[in-house]
């Protein structure tokens, strides 16, 4: 089992959850829905070890999940509505 700590930037709330050693993207999504509600994947962003998570792409998730080691902190931020990133 892998122990992971979620730290919400919005209110500082901390939660600890466990994932099986061979977890999938769907296992991770189930945990975040349990913690943050049914629209968590749309309303929040998740960052571990300086790397942002992309839950929409299972291939990218497979690469990203190496950052989820035992005891890792996952920072949870609220997504902004509207706008887009512009490189200046």
PDB file of N, CA and C in Angstrom:
ATOM      1  N   UNK A   1       0.837  -1.187   0.000  1.00  0.00           N
ATOM      2  CA  UNK A   1       0.000   0.000   0.000  1.00  0.00           C
ATOM      3  C   UNK A   1       0.879   1.246   0.000  1.00  0.00           C
ATOM      4  N   UNK A   2       0.389   2.277  -0.672  1.00  0.00           N
ATOM      5  CA  UNK A   2       1.088   3.553  -0.751  1.00  0.00           C
ATOM      6  C   UNK A   2       0.255   4.588   0.002  1.00  0.00           C
ATOM      7  N   UNK A   3       0.848   5.207   1.008  1.00  0.00           N
ATOM      8  CA  UNK A   3       0.180   6.267   1.764  1.00  0.00           C
ATOM      9  C   UNK A   3       0.428   7.592   1.063  1.00  0.00           C
ATOM     10  N   UNK A   4      -0.647   8.323   0.782  1.00  0.00           N
ATOM     11  CA  UNK A   4      -0.509   9.629   0.138  1.00  0.00           C
ATOM     12  C   UNK A   4      -1.244  10.678   0.968  1.00  0.00           C
ATOM     13  N   UNK A   5      -0.673  11.876   1.007  1.00  0.00           N
ATOM     14  CA  UNK A   5      -1.238  12.989   1.768  1.00  0.00           C
ATOM     15  C   UNK A   5      -1.743  14.037   0.788  1.00  0.00           C
ATOM     16  N   UNK A   6      -3.001  14.387   0.898  1.00  0.00           N
ATOM     17  CA  UNK A   6      -3.572  15.464   0.092  1.00  0.00           C
ATOM     18  C   UNK A   6      -3.598  16.715   0.946  1.00  0.00           C
ATOM     19  N   UNK A   7      -3.068  17.812   0.413  1.00  0.00           N
ATOM     20  CA  UNK A   7      -3.059  19.084   1.115  1.00  0.00           C
ATOM     21  C   UNK A   7      -3.786  20.086   0.236  1.00  0.00           C
ATOM     22  N   UNK A   8      -4.957  20.533   0.700  1.00  0.00           N
ATOM     23  CA  UNK A   8      -5.779  21.460  -0.079  1.00  0.00           C
ATOM     24  C   UNK A   8      -5.321  22.890   0.172  1.00  0.00           C
ATOM     25  N   UNK A   9      -4.938  23.591  -0.885  1.00  0.00           N
ATOM     26  CA  UNK A   9      -4.483  24.973  -0.762  1.00  0.00           C
ATOM     27  C   UNK A   9      -5.620  25.905  -0.365  1.00  0.00           C
ATOM     28  N   UNK A  10      -6.842  25.523  -0.716  1.00  0.00           N
ATOM     29  CA  UNK A  10      -8.006  26.360  -0.474  1.00  0.00           C
ATOM     30  C   UNK A  10      -8.241  26.610   1.019  1.00  0.00           C
ATOM     31  N   UNK A  11      -8.166  25.550   1.826  1.00  0.00           N
ATOM     32  CA  UNK A  11      -8.461  25.681   3.252  1.00  0.00           C
ATOM     33  C   UNK A  11      -7.395  25.054   4.155  1.00  0.00           C
ATOM     34  N   UNK A  12      -6.334  24.523   3.567  1.00  0.00           N
ATOM     35  CA  UNK A  12      -5.271  23.901   4.344  1.00  0.00           C
ATOM     36  C   UNK A  12      -5.619  22.524   4.878  1.00  0.00           C
ATOM     37  N   UNK A  13      -6.783  22.011   4.489  1.00  0.00           N
ATOM     38  CA  UNK A  13      -7.226  20.695   4.955  1.00  0.00           C
ATOM     39  C   UNK A  13      -6.261  19.618   4.480  1.00  0.00           C
ATOM     40  N   UNK A  14      -5.941  18.689   5.381  1.00  0.00           N
ATOM     41  CA  UNK A  14      -5.051  17.579   5.045  1.00  0.00           C
ATOM     42  C   UNK A  14      -5.818  16.271   5.165  1.00  0.00           C
ATOM     43  N   UNK A  15      -5.617  15.377   4.204  1.00  0.00           N
ATOM     44  CA  UNK A  15      -6.257  14.062   4.215  1.00  0.00           C
ATOM     45  C   UNK A  15      -5.229  13.015   3.836  1.00  0.00           C
ATOM     46  N   UNK A  16      -5.332  11.854   4.446  1.00  0.00           N
ATOM     47  CA  UNK A  16      -4.432  10.745   4.127  1.00  0.00           C
ATOM     48  C   UNK A  16      -5.260   9.608   3.552  1.00  0.00           C
ATOM     49  N   UNK A  17      -4.819   9.082   2.436  1.00  0.00           N
ATOM     50  CA  UNK A  17      -5.482   7.947   1.785  1.00  0.00           C
ATOM     51  C   UNK A  17      -4.429   6.927   1.393  1.00  0.00           C
ATOM     52  N   UNK A  18      -4.896   5.735   1.046  1.00  0.00           N
ATOM     53  CA  UNK A  18      -3.988   4.670   0.611  1.00  0.00           C
ATOM     54  C   UNK A  18      -4.380   4.179  -0.775  1.00  0.00           C
ATOM     55  N   UNK A  19      -3.361   3.888  -1.566  1.00  0.00           N
ATOM     56  CA  UNK A  19      -3.532   3.275  -2.883  1.00  0.00           C
ATOM     57  C   UNK A  19      -2.838   1.920  -2.873  1.00  0.00           C
ATOM     58  N   UNK A  20      -3.371   0.954  -3.621  1.00  0.00           N
ATOM     59  CA  UNK A  20      -2.654  -0.323  -3.744  1.00  0.00           C
ATOM     60  C   UNK A  20      -1.344  -0.103  -4.503  1.00  0.00           C
ATOM     61  N   UNK A  21      -0.390  -0.986  -4.328  1.00  0.00           N
ATOM     62  CA  UNK A  21       0.912  -0.840  -4.998  1.00  0.00           C
ATOM     63  C   UNK A  21       0.786  -0.721  -6.516  1.00  0.00           C
ATOM     64  N   UNK A  22      -0.085  -1.482  -7.129  1.00  0.00           N
ATOM     65  CA  UNK A  22      -0.265  -1.450  -8.590  1.00  0.00           C
ATOM     66  C   UNK A  22      -1.535  -0.693  -8.959  1.00  0.00           C
ATOM     67  N   UNK A  23      -1.662   0.542  -8.461  1.00  0.00           N
ATOM     68  CA  UNK A  23      -2.878   1.316  -8.679  1.00  0.00           C
ATOM     69  C   UNK A  23      -2.992   1.802 -10.124  1.00  0.00           C
ATOM     70  N   UNK A  24      -4.228   2.110 -10.502  1.00  0.00           N
ATOM     71  CA  UNK A  24      -4.518   2.628 -11.841  1.00  0.00           C
ATOM     72  C   UNK A  24      -5.005   4.069 -11.727  1.00  0.00           C
ATOM     73  N   UNK A  25      -5.186   4.695 -12.867  1.00  0.00           N
ATOM     74  CA  UNK A  25      -5.745   6.044 -12.911  1.00  0.00           C
ATOM     75  C   UNK A  25      -7.132   6.050 -12.266  1.00  0.00           C
ATOM     76  N   UNK A  26      -7.928   5.026 -12.534  1.00  0.00           N
ATOM     77  CA  UNK A  26      -9.279   4.951 -11.964  1.00  0.00           C
ATOM     78  C   UNK A  26      -9.247   4.817 -10.442  1.00  0.00           C
ATOM     79  N   UNK A  27      -8.272   4.102  -9.896  1.00  0.00           N
ATOM     80  CA  UNK A  27      -8.118   4.008  -8.437  1.00  0.00           C
ATOM     81  C   UNK A  27      -7.879   5.396  -7.845  1.00  0.00           C
ATOM     82  N   UNK A  28      -7.017   6.170  -8.499  1.00  0.00           N
ATOM     83  CA  UNK A  28      -6.699   7.515  -8.029  1.00  0.00           C
ATOM     84  C   UNK A  28      -7.928   8.417  -8.131  1.00  0.00           C
ATOM     85  N   UNK A  29      -8.652   8.329  -9.240  1.00  0.00           N
ATOM     86  CA  UNK A  29      -9.854   9.147  -9.432  1.00  0.00           C
ATOM     87  C   UNK A  29     -10.895   8.840  -8.359  1.00  0.00           C
ATOM     88  N   UNK A  30     -11.073   7.580  -8.012  1.00  0.00           N
ATOM     89  CA  UNK A  30     -12.037   7.210  -6.962  1.00  0.00           C
ATOM     90  C   UNK A  30     -11.697   7.889  -5.642  1.00  0.00           C
ATOM     91  N   UNK A  31     -10.416   7.962  -5.319  1.00  0.00           N
ATOM     92  CA  UNK A  31      -9.995   8.606  -4.072  1.00  0.00           C
ATOM     93  C   UNK A  31     -10.286  10.098  -4.107  1.00  0.00           C
ATOM     94  N   UNK A  32      -9.954  10.767  -5.198  1.00  0.00           N
ATOM     95  CA  UNK A  32     -10.172  12.219  -5.224  1.00  0.00           C
ATOM     96  C   UNK A  32     -11.658  12.568  -5.274  1.00  0.00           C
ATOM     97  N   UNK A  33     -12.472  11.724  -5.896  1.00  0.00           N
ATOM     98  CA  UNK A  33     -13.923  11.957  -5.873  1.00  0.00           C
ATOM     99  C   UNK A  33     -14.449  11.787  -4.452  1.00  0.00           C
ATOM    100  N   UNK A  34     -13.946  10.799  -3.745  1.00  0.00           N
ATOM    101  CA  UNK A  34     -14.342  10.588  -2.348  1.00  0.00           C
ATOM    102  C   UNK A  34     -13.983  11.797  -1.483  1.00  0.00           C
ATOM    103  N   UNK A  35     -12.821  12.380  -1.719  1.00  0.00           N
ATOM    104  CA  UNK A  35     -12.355  13.513  -0.915  1.00  0.00           C
ATOM    105  C   UNK A  35     -12.959  14.848  -1.329  1.00  0.00           C
ATOM    106  N   UNK A  36     -13.077  15.080  -2.643  1.00  0.00           N
ATOM    107  CA  UNK A  36     -13.401  16.416  -3.136  1.00  0.00           C
ATOM    108  C   UNK A  36     -14.696  16.509  -3.937  1.00  0.00           C
ATOM    109  N   UNK A  37     -15.439  15.419  -4.059  1.00  0.00           N
ATOM    110  CA  UNK A  37     -16.727  15.457  -4.745  1.00  0.00           C
ATOM    111  C   UNK A  37     -16.669  14.946  -6.170  1.00  0.00           C
ATOM    112  N   UNK A  38     -17.860  14.759  -6.736  1.00  0.00           N
ATOM    113  CA  UNK A  38     -17.985  14.113  -8.045  1.00  0.00           C
ATOM    114  C   UNK A  38     -17.389  14.918  -9.200  1.00  0.00           C
ATOM    115  N   UNK A  39     -17.185  16.216  -9.017  1.00  0.00           N
ATOM    116  CA  UNK A  39     -16.610  17.041 -10.085  1.00  0.00           C
ATOM    117  C   UNK A  39     -15.154  17.419  -9.802  1.00  0.00           C
ATOM    118  N   UNK A  40     -14.510  16.662  -8.938  1.00  0.00           N
ATOM    119  CA  UNK A  40     -13.140  16.979  -8.519  1.00  0.00           C
ATOM    120  C   UNK A  40     -12.175  17.064  -9.693  1.00  0.00           C
ATOM    121  N   UNK A  41     -12.328  16.189 -10.682  1.00  0.00           N
ATOM    122  CA  UNK A  41     -11.382  16.190 -11.806  1.00  0.00           C
ATOM    123  C   UNK A  41     -11.522  17.443 -12.654  1.00  0.00           C
ATOM    124  N   UNK A  42     -12.677  18.103 -12.589  1.00  0.00           N
ATOM    125  CA  UNK A  42     -12.905  19.328 -13.360  1.00  0.00           C
ATOM    126  C   UNK A  42     -12.547  20.583 -12.572  1.00  0.00           C
ATOM    127  N   UNK A  43     -12.719  20.536 -11.248  1.00  0.00           N
ATOM    128  CA  UNK A  43     -12.577  21.733 -10.426  1.00  0.00           C
ATOM    129  C   UNK A  43     -11.236  21.881  -9.711  1.00  0.00           C
ATOM    130  N   UNK A  44     -10.436  20.811  -9.691  1.00  0.00           N
ATOM    131  CA  UNK A  44      -9.178  20.857  -8.948  1.00  0.00           C
ATOM    132  C   UNK A  44      -8.008  20.395  -9.807  1.00  0.00           C
ATOM    133  N   UNK A  45      -6.826  20.850  -9.432  1.00  0.00           N
ATOM    134  CA  UNK A  45      -5.594  20.384 -10.048  1.00  0.00           C
ATOM    135  C   UNK A  45      -4.748  19.729  -8.950  1.00  0.00           C
ATOM    136  N   UNK A  46      -3.960  18.730  -9.328  1.00  0.00           N
ATOM    137  CA  UNK A  46      -3.192  17.940  -8.361  1.00  0.00           C
ATOM    138  C   UNK A  46      -1.719  17.950  -8.760  1.00  0.00           C
ATOM    139  N   UNK A  47      -0.841  18.243  -7.789  1.00  0.00           N
ATOM    140  CA  UNK A  47       0.592  18.359  -8.057  1.00  0.00           C
ATOM    141  C   UNK A  47       1.361  17.554  -7.016  1.00  0.00           C
ATOM    142  N   UNK A  48       2.285  16.708  -7.486  1.00  0.00           N
ATOM    143  CA  UNK A  48       3.164  15.945  -6.594  1.00  0.00           C
ATOM    144  C   UNK A  48       4.594  16.090  -7.092  1.00  0.00           C
ATOM    145  N   UNK A  49       5.498  16.414  -6.184  1.00  0.00           N
ATOM    146  CA  UNK A  49       6.923  16.568  -6.512  1.00  0.00           C
ATOM    147  C   UNK A  49       7.136  17.515  -7.690  1.00  0.00           C
ATOM    148  N   UNK A  50       6.355  18.599  -7.710  1.00  0.00           N
ATOM    149  CA  UNK A  50       6.495  19.616  -8.740  1.00  0.00           C
ATOM    150  C   UNK A  50       5.922  19.247 -10.095  1.00  0.00           C
ATOM    151  N   UNK A  51       5.235  18.134 -10.189  1.00  0.00           N
ATOM    152  CA  UNK A  51       4.670  17.674 -11.465  1.00  0.00           C
ATOM    153  C   UNK A  51       3.151  17.671 -11.381  1.00  0.00           C
ATOM    154  N   UNK A  52       2.497  18.352 -12.331  1.00  0.00           N
ATOM    155  CA  UNK A  52       1.035  18.395 -12.377  1.00  0.00           C
ATOM    156  C   UNK A  52       0.482  17.117 -12.991  1.00  0.00           C
ATOM    157  N   UNK A  53      -0.647  16.704 -12.492  1.00  0.00           N
ATOM    158  CA  UNK A  53      -1.295  15.470 -12.934  1.00  0.00           C
ATOM    159  C   UNK A  53      -2.295  15.749 -14.050  1.00  0.00           C
ATOM    160  N   UNK A  54      -2.318  14.888 -15.067  1.00  0.00           N
ATOM    161  CA  UNK A  54      -3.310  14.955 -16.136  1.00  0.00           C
ATOM    162  C   UNK A  54      -4.165  13.698 -16.054  1.00  0.00           C
ATOM    163  N   UNK A  55      -5.361  13.830 -15.475  1.00  0.00           N
ATOM    164  CA  UNK A  55      -6.247  12.676 -15.322  1.00  0.00           C
ATOM    165  C   UNK A  55      -6.980  12.323 -16.608  1.00  0.00           C
ATOM    166  N   UNK A  56      -6.931  13.195 -17.602  1.00  0.00           N
ATOM    167  CA  UNK A  56      -7.637  12.951 -18.858  1.00  0.00           C
ATOM    168  C   UNK A  56      -6.866  12.012 -19.777  1.00  0.00           C
ATOM    169  N   UNK A  57      -5.603  11.774 -19.502  1.00  0.00           N
ATOM    170  CA  UNK A  57      -4.756  10.957 -20.380  1.00  0.00           C
ATOM    171  C   UNK A  57      -4.102   9.850 -19.555  1.00  0.00           C
ATOM    172  N   UNK A  58      -4.570   8.615 -19.744  1.00  0.00           N
ATOM    173  CA  UNK A  58      -4.050   7.498 -18.939  1.00  0.00           C
ATOM    174  C   UNK A  58      -2.585   7.195 -19.235  1.00  0.00           C
ATOM    175  N   UNK A  59      -2.116   7.484 -20.453  1.00  0.00           N
ATOM    176  CA  UNK A  59      -0.703   7.269 -20.779  1.00  0.00           C
ATOM    177  C   UNK A  59       0.153   8.250 -19.983  1.00  0.00           C
ATOM    178  N   UNK A  60      -0.232   9.524 -19.986  1.00  0.00           N
ATOM    179  CA  UNK A  60       0.510  10.516 -19.202  1.00  0.00           C
ATOM    180  C   UNK A  60       0.421  10.210 -17.713  1.00  0.00           C
ATOM    181  N   UNK A  61      -0.738   9.727 -17.263  1.00  0.00           N
ATOM    182  CA  UNK A  61      -0.875   9.343 -15.858  1.00  0.00           C
ATOM    183  C   UNK A  61       0.108   8.229 -15.517  1.00  0.00           C
ATOM    184  N   UNK A  62       0.262   7.269 -16.422  1.00  0.00           N
ATOM    185  CA  UNK A  62       1.201   6.167 -16.199  1.00  0.00           C
ATOM    186  C   UNK A  62       2.621   6.658 -15.998  1.00  0.00           C
ATOM    187  N   UNK A  63       2.996   7.706 -16.737  1.00  0.00           N
ATOM    188  CA  UNK A  63       4.328   8.304 -16.578  1.00  0.00           C
ATOM    189  C   UNK A  63       4.390   9.085 -15.263  1.00  0.00           C
ATOM    190  N   UNK A  64       3.343   9.827 -14.961  1.00  0.00           N
ATOM    191  CA  UNK A  64       3.297  10.692 -13.783  1.00  0.00           C
ATOM    192  C   UNK A  64       3.262   9.902 -12.482  1.00  0.00           C
ATOM    193  N   UNK A  65       2.632   8.714 -12.484  1.00  0.00           N
ATOM    194  CA  UNK A  65       2.398   8.005 -11.226  1.00  0.00           C
ATOM    195  C   UNK A  65       3.672   7.560 -10.516  1.00  0.00           C
ATOM    196  N   UNK A  66       4.813   7.593 -11.180  1.00  0.00           N
ATOM    197  CA  UNK A  66       6.077   7.278 -10.499  1.00  0.00           C
ATOM    198  C   UNK A  66       6.370   8.295  -9.399  1.00  0.00           C
ATOM    199  N   UNK A  67       5.717   9.470  -9.462  1.00  0.00           N
ATOM    200  CA  UNK A  67       5.875  10.495  -8.428  1.00  0.00           C
ATOM    201  C   UNK A  67       5.092  10.166  -7.162  1.00  0.00           C
ATOM    202  N   UNK A  68       4.208   9.188  -7.248  1.00  0.00           N
ATOM    203  CA  UNK A  68       3.395   8.816  -6.090  1.00  0.00           C
ATOM    204  C   UNK A  68       4.078   7.703  -5.305  1.00  0.00           C
ATOM    205  N   UNK A  69       5.007   8.097  -4.486  1.00  0.00           N
ATOM    206  CA  UNK A  69       5.719   7.153  -3.628  1.00  0.00           C
ATOM    207  C   UNK A  69       5.135   7.239  -2.222  1.00  0.00           C
ATOM    208  N   UNK A  70       5.436   6.275  -1.393  1.00  0.00           N
ATOM    209  CA  UNK A  70       4.893   6.245  -0.045  1.00  0.00           C
ATOM    210  C   UNK A  70       5.221   7.533   0.707  1.00  0.00           C
ATOM    211  N   UNK A  71       4.198   8.164   1.282  1.00  0.00           N
ATOM    212  CA  UNK A  71       4.381   9.383   2.060  1.00  0.00           C
ATOM    213  C   UNK A  71       4.381  10.664   1.255  1.00  0.00           C
ATOM    214  N   UNK A  72       4.116  10.598  -0.036  1.00  0.00           N
ATOM    215  CA  UNK A  72       4.153  11.783  -0.894  1.00  0.00           C
ATOM    216  C   UNK A  72       3.048  12.772  -0.511  1.00  0.00           C
ATOM    217  N   UNK A  73       3.346  14.061  -0.667  1.00  0.00           N
ATOM    218  CA  UNK A  73       2.352  15.119  -0.494  1.00  0.00           C
ATOM    219  C   UNK A  73       1.808  15.493  -1.862  1.00  0.00           C
ATOM    220  N   UNK A  74       0.490  15.531  -1.978  1.00  0.00           N
ATOM    221  CA  UNK A  74      -0.156  15.983  -3.211  1.00  0.00           C
ATOM    222  C   UNK A  74      -0.859  17.291  -2.881  1.00  0.00           C
ATOM    223  N   UNK A  75      -0.447  18.349  -3.550  1.00  0.00           N
ATOM    224  CA  UNK A  75      -1.053  19.652  -3.334  1.00  0.00           C
ATOM    225  C   UNK A  75      -2.256  19.782  -4.254  1.00  0.00           C
ATOM    226  N   UNK A  76      -3.361  20.237  -3.666  1.00  0.00           N
ATOM    227  CA  UNK A  76      -4.626  20.333  -4.384  1.00  0.00           C
ATOM    228  C   UNK A  76      -4.979  21.805  -4.512  1.00  0.00           C
ATOM    229  N   UNK A  77      -5.150  22.262  -5.748  1.00  0.00           N
ATOM    230  CA  UNK A  77      -5.514  23.652  -5.995  1.00  0.00           C
ATOM    231  C   UNK A  77      -6.806  23.747  -6.773  1.00  0.00           C
ATOM    232  N   UNK A  78      -7.560  24.794  -6.514  1.00  0.00           N
ATOM    233  CA  UNK A  78      -8.811  25.034  -7.228  1.00  0.00           C
ATOM    234  C   UNK A  78      -8.484  25.605  -8.597  1.00  0.00           C
ATOM    235  N   UNK A  79      -9.095  25.061  -9.630  1.00  0.00           N
ATOM    236  CA  UNK A  79      -8.899  25.583 -10.984  1.00  0.00           C
ATOM    237  C   UNK A  79      -9.640  26.913 -11.126  1.00  0.00           C
ATOM    238  N   UNK A  80      -9.075  27.802 -11.920  1.00  0.00           N
ATOM    239  CA  UNK A  80      -9.730  29.072 -12.213  1.00  0.00           C
ATOM    240  C   UNK A  80     -10.711  28.860 -13.357  1.00  0.00           C
ATOM    241  N   UNK A  81     -11.860  29.497 -13.265  1.00  0.00           N
ATOM    242  CA  UNK A  81     -12.851  29.411 -14.332  1.00  0.00           C
ATOM    243  C   UNK A  81     -12.539  30.454 -15.397  1.00  0.00           C
ATOM    244  N   UNK A  82     -12.593  30.041 -16.658  1.00  0.00           N
ATOM    245  CA  UNK A  82     -12.362  30.960 -17.760  1.00  0.00           C
ATOM    246  C   UNK A  82     -10.893  31.248 -17.968  1.00  0.00           C
ATOM    247  N   UNK A  83     -10.612  31.993 -18.996  1.00  0.00           N
ATOM    248  CA  UNK A  83      -9.241  32.369 -19.296  1.00  0.00           C
ATOM    249  C   UNK A  83      -8.421  31.209 -19.809  1.00  0.00           C
ATOM    250  N   UNK A  84      -7.189  31.487 -20.116  1.00  0.00           N
ATOM    251  CA  UNK A  84      -6.277  30.462 -20.587  1.00  0.00           C
ATOM    252  C   UNK A  84      -4.859  30.913 -20.333  1.00  0.00           C
ATOM    253  N   UNK A  85      -3.939  29.996 -20.428  1.00  0.00           N
ATOM    254  CA  UNK A  85      -2.528  30.317 -20.231  1.00  0.00           C
ATOM    255  C   UNK A  85      -1.986  30.946 -21.508  1.00  0.00           C
ATOM    256  N   UNK A  86      -1.294  32.053 -21.344  1.00  0.00           N
ATOM    257  CA  UNK A  86      -0.694  32.734 -22.491  1.00  0.00           C
ATOM    258  C   UNK A  86       0.798  32.847 -22.235  1.00  0.00           C
ATOM    259  N   UNK A  87       1.607  32.372 -23.172  1.00  0.00           N
ATOM    260  CA  UNK A  87       3.057  32.529 -23.064  1.00  0.00           C
ATOM    261  C   UNK A  87       3.434  33.907 -23.569  1.00  0.00           C
ATOM    262  N   UNK A  88       4.143  34.644 -22.749  1.00  0.00           N
ATOM    263  CA  UNK A  88       4.527  36.005 -23.124  1.00  0.00           C
ATOM    264  C   UNK A  88       5.989  36.037 -23.462  1.00  0.00           C
TER     265      UNK A  88
END
